[in-house]
Amino acid sequence: MKCNRCSGVIIPERVYGYEAIFEGWKCVSCGEVFDELVLRNRQRLPKVPSGSARRARDTRAAAR
């Protein structure tokens, strides 16, 4: 399995949440952590062009 963000190597990871402990994955290159629920939610959302979220966040920060 490869990371969607950086194409790095993914390893199994035990993730400790507020109310539960669950199994997920972590990228050894960029550190992204995700699990089955995150993957399902990403499949439901429309695709956003790369970088557009960052530009929107930067624009909001500059307006402050």
N, C-alpha and C. Protein backbone atom coordinates (compact mmCIF):
# COMPACT_ATOMS: atom_id res chain seq x y z
N MET A 1 0.85 -1.17 0.00
CA MET A 1 0.00 0.00 0.00
C MET A 1 0.90 1.24 0.00
N LYS A 2 0.52 2.25 -0.78
CA LYS A 2 1.29 3.48 -0.86
C LYS A 2 0.45 4.66 -0.38
N CYS A 3 1.12 5.65 0.15
CA CYS A 3 0.46 6.85 0.66
C CYS A 3 -0.13 7.66 -0.50
N ASN A 4 -1.38 8.10 -0.32
CA ASN A 4 -2.03 8.93 -1.34
C ASN A 4 -1.41 10.32 -1.42
N ARG A 5 -0.85 10.79 -0.33
CA ARG A 5 -0.29 12.14 -0.28
C ARG A 5 1.10 12.21 -0.93
N CYS A 6 1.99 11.26 -0.58
CA CYS A 6 3.38 11.37 -1.04
C CYS A 6 3.91 10.13 -1.74
N SER A 7 3.11 9.08 -1.85
CA SER A 7 3.50 7.79 -2.43
C SER A 7 4.55 7.06 -1.60
N GLY A 8 4.65 7.42 -0.32
CA GLY A 8 5.59 6.76 0.57
C GLY A 8 5.06 5.41 1.04
N VAL A 9 5.86 4.74 1.85
CA VAL A 9 5.53 3.42 2.38
C VAL A 9 4.57 3.57 3.56
N ILE A 10 3.55 2.72 3.59
CA ILE A 10 2.54 2.71 4.65
C ILE A 10 2.81 1.52 5.57
N ILE A 11 2.75 1.75 6.89
CA ILE A 11 2.91 0.67 7.86
C ILE A 11 1.68 0.62 8.76
N PRO A 12 1.36 -0.55 9.31
CA PRO A 12 0.24 -0.64 10.26
C PRO A 12 0.57 0.19 11.51
N GLU A 13 -0.45 0.80 12.09
CA GLU A 13 -0.26 1.66 13.26
C GLU A 13 -1.45 1.53 14.18
N ARG A 14 -1.22 1.42 15.47
CA ARG A 14 -2.30 1.44 16.45
C ARG A 14 -2.55 2.91 16.78
N VAL A 15 -3.80 3.34 16.59
CA VAL A 15 -4.17 4.74 16.78
C VAL A 15 -5.01 4.85 18.04
N TYR A 16 -4.63 5.78 18.91
CA TYR A 16 -5.33 5.99 20.16
C TYR A 16 -6.20 7.23 20.04
N GLY A 17 -7.51 7.03 19.98
CA GLY A 17 -8.45 8.14 19.90
C GLY A 17 -8.94 8.53 21.28
N TYR A 18 -9.88 9.45 21.33
CA TYR A 18 -10.42 9.90 22.61
C TYR A 18 -11.19 8.80 23.32
N GLU A 19 -11.94 8.02 22.57
CA GLU A 19 -12.81 7.03 23.19
C GLU A 19 -12.49 5.60 22.78
N ALA A 20 -11.52 5.41 21.88
CA ALA A 20 -11.27 4.07 21.39
C ALA A 20 -9.83 3.92 20.91
N ILE A 21 -9.41 2.69 20.80
CA ILE A 21 -8.12 2.36 20.20
C ILE A 21 -8.46 1.57 18.95
N PHE A 22 -7.88 1.94 17.82
CA PHE A 22 -8.18 1.24 16.59
C PHE A 22 -6.94 1.08 15.74
N GLU A 23 -7.03 0.16 14.81
CA GLU A 23 -5.92 -0.11 13.90
C GLU A 23 -6.04 0.77 12.66
N GLY A 24 -4.95 1.33 12.25
CA GLY A 24 -4.91 2.17 11.06
C GLY A 24 -3.58 2.01 10.36
N TRP A 25 -3.20 3.01 9.59
CA TRP A 25 -1.94 2.99 8.86
C TRP A 25 -1.26 4.34 9.00
N LYS A 26 0.06 4.33 8.87
CA LYS A 26 0.83 5.56 8.95
C LYS A 26 1.90 5.55 7.86
N CYS A 27 2.06 6.70 7.20
CA CYS A 27 3.09 6.84 6.18
C CYS A 27 4.41 7.15 6.87
N VAL A 28 5.47 6.41 6.55
CA VAL A 28 6.76 6.65 7.19
C VAL A 28 7.45 7.88 6.61
N SER A 29 6.98 8.38 5.48
CA SER A 29 7.60 9.56 4.87
C SER A 29 6.97 10.86 5.35
N CYS A 30 5.65 11.01 5.20
CA CYS A 30 5.00 12.29 5.53
C CYS A 30 4.25 12.26 6.86
N GLY A 31 4.04 11.07 7.44
CA GLY A 31 3.39 10.97 8.74
C GLY A 31 1.88 10.94 8.72
N GLU A 32 1.26 10.91 7.54
CA GLU A 32 -0.20 10.86 7.49
C GLU A 32 -0.71 9.58 8.15
N VAL A 33 -1.73 9.72 9.00
CA VAL A 33 -2.34 8.58 9.69
C VAL A 33 -3.78 8.49 9.24
N PHE A 34 -4.23 7.28 8.91
CA PHE A 34 -5.61 7.09 8.47
C PHE A 34 -6.04 5.68 8.78
N ASP A 35 -7.37 5.45 8.68
CA ASP A 35 -7.94 4.13 8.92
C ASP A 35 -9.06 3.90 7.90
N GLU A 36 -9.80 2.82 8.10
CA GLU A 36 -10.88 2.47 7.16
C GLU A 36 -11.95 3.56 7.09
N LEU A 37 -12.32 4.14 8.21
CA LEU A 37 -13.34 5.18 8.22
C LEU A 37 -12.88 6.41 7.43
N VAL A 38 -11.66 6.81 7.61
CA VAL A 38 -11.11 7.94 6.85
C VAL A 38 -11.16 7.64 5.35
N LEU A 39 -10.76 6.44 4.96
CA LEU A 39 -10.77 6.08 3.54
C LEU A 39 -12.19 6.10 2.98
N ARG A 40 -13.17 5.57 3.74
CA ARG A 40 -14.56 5.58 3.26
C ARG A 40 -15.07 7.01 3.11
N ASN A 41 -14.77 7.87 4.07
CA ASN A 41 -15.22 9.25 3.99
C ASN A 41 -14.58 9.99 2.82
N ARG A 42 -13.33 9.72 2.54
CA ARG A 42 -12.66 10.35 1.40
C ARG A 42 -13.27 9.92 0.07
N GLN A 43 -13.74 8.70 0.01
CA GLN A 43 -14.37 8.22 -1.22
C GLN A 43 -15.71 8.90 -1.45
N ARG A 44 -16.40 9.30 -0.39
CA ARG A 44 -17.71 9.96 -0.50
C ARG A 44 -17.60 11.42 -0.91
N LEU A 45 -16.51 12.08 -0.55
CA LEU A 45 -16.35 13.50 -0.83
C LEU A 45 -15.91 13.74 -2.27
N PRO A 46 -16.33 14.87 -2.86
CA PRO A 46 -15.87 15.19 -4.21
C PRO A 46 -14.37 15.51 -4.19
N LYS A 47 -13.70 15.23 -5.28
CA LYS A 47 -12.27 15.50 -5.39
C LYS A 47 -12.03 16.99 -5.50
N VAL A 48 -11.04 17.48 -4.77
CA VAL A 48 -10.64 18.89 -4.81
C VAL A 48 -9.29 18.96 -5.48
N PRO A 49 -9.10 19.86 -6.44
CA PRO A 49 -7.79 19.96 -7.10
C PRO A 49 -6.68 20.22 -6.08
N SER A 50 -5.55 19.59 -6.29
CA SER A 50 -4.42 19.71 -5.37
C SER A 50 -4.01 21.17 -5.20
N GLY A 51 -3.80 21.56 -3.95
CA GLY A 51 -3.35 22.91 -3.65
C GLY A 51 -4.46 23.91 -3.44
N SER A 52 -5.68 23.63 -3.88
CA SER A 52 -6.76 24.62 -3.76
C SER A 52 -7.16 24.83 -2.30
N ALA A 53 -7.10 23.80 -1.47
CA ALA A 53 -7.43 23.96 -0.06
C ALA A 53 -6.38 24.83 0.62
N ARG A 54 -5.14 24.64 0.27
CA ARG A 54 -4.08 25.46 0.86
C ARG A 54 -4.25 26.91 0.44
N ARG A 55 -4.56 27.16 -0.83
CA ARG A 55 -4.74 28.54 -1.30
C ARG A 55 -5.90 29.20 -0.56
N ALA A 56 -6.98 28.47 -0.34
CA ALA A 56 -8.14 29.02 0.37
C ALA A 56 -7.77 29.35 1.81
N ARG A 57 -7.02 28.46 2.46
CA ARG A 57 -6.61 28.70 3.83
C ARG A 57 -5.67 29.90 3.91
N ASP A 58 -4.72 30.01 2.98
CA ASP A 58 -3.79 31.14 2.95
C ASP A 58 -4.52 32.45 2.71
N THR A 59 -5.54 32.41 1.86
CA THR A 59 -6.32 33.62 1.55
C THR A 59 -7.08 34.08 2.79
N ARG A 60 -7.67 33.13 3.53
CA ARG A 60 -8.39 33.49 4.76
C ARG A 60 -7.43 34.04 5.80
N ALA A 61 -6.25 33.47 5.93
CA ALA A 61 -5.27 33.93 6.92
C ALA A 61 -4.79 35.34 6.56
N ALA A 62 -4.61 35.63 5.28
CA ALA A 62 -4.14 36.96 4.86
C ALA A 62 -5.20 38.02 5.10
N ALA A 63 -6.47 37.63 5.07
CA ALA A 63 -7.56 38.59 5.26
C ALA A 63 -7.69 39.03 6.71
N ARG A 64 -7.12 38.30 7.63
CA ARG A 64 -7.26 38.62 9.06
C ARG A 64 -6.42 39.79 9.46
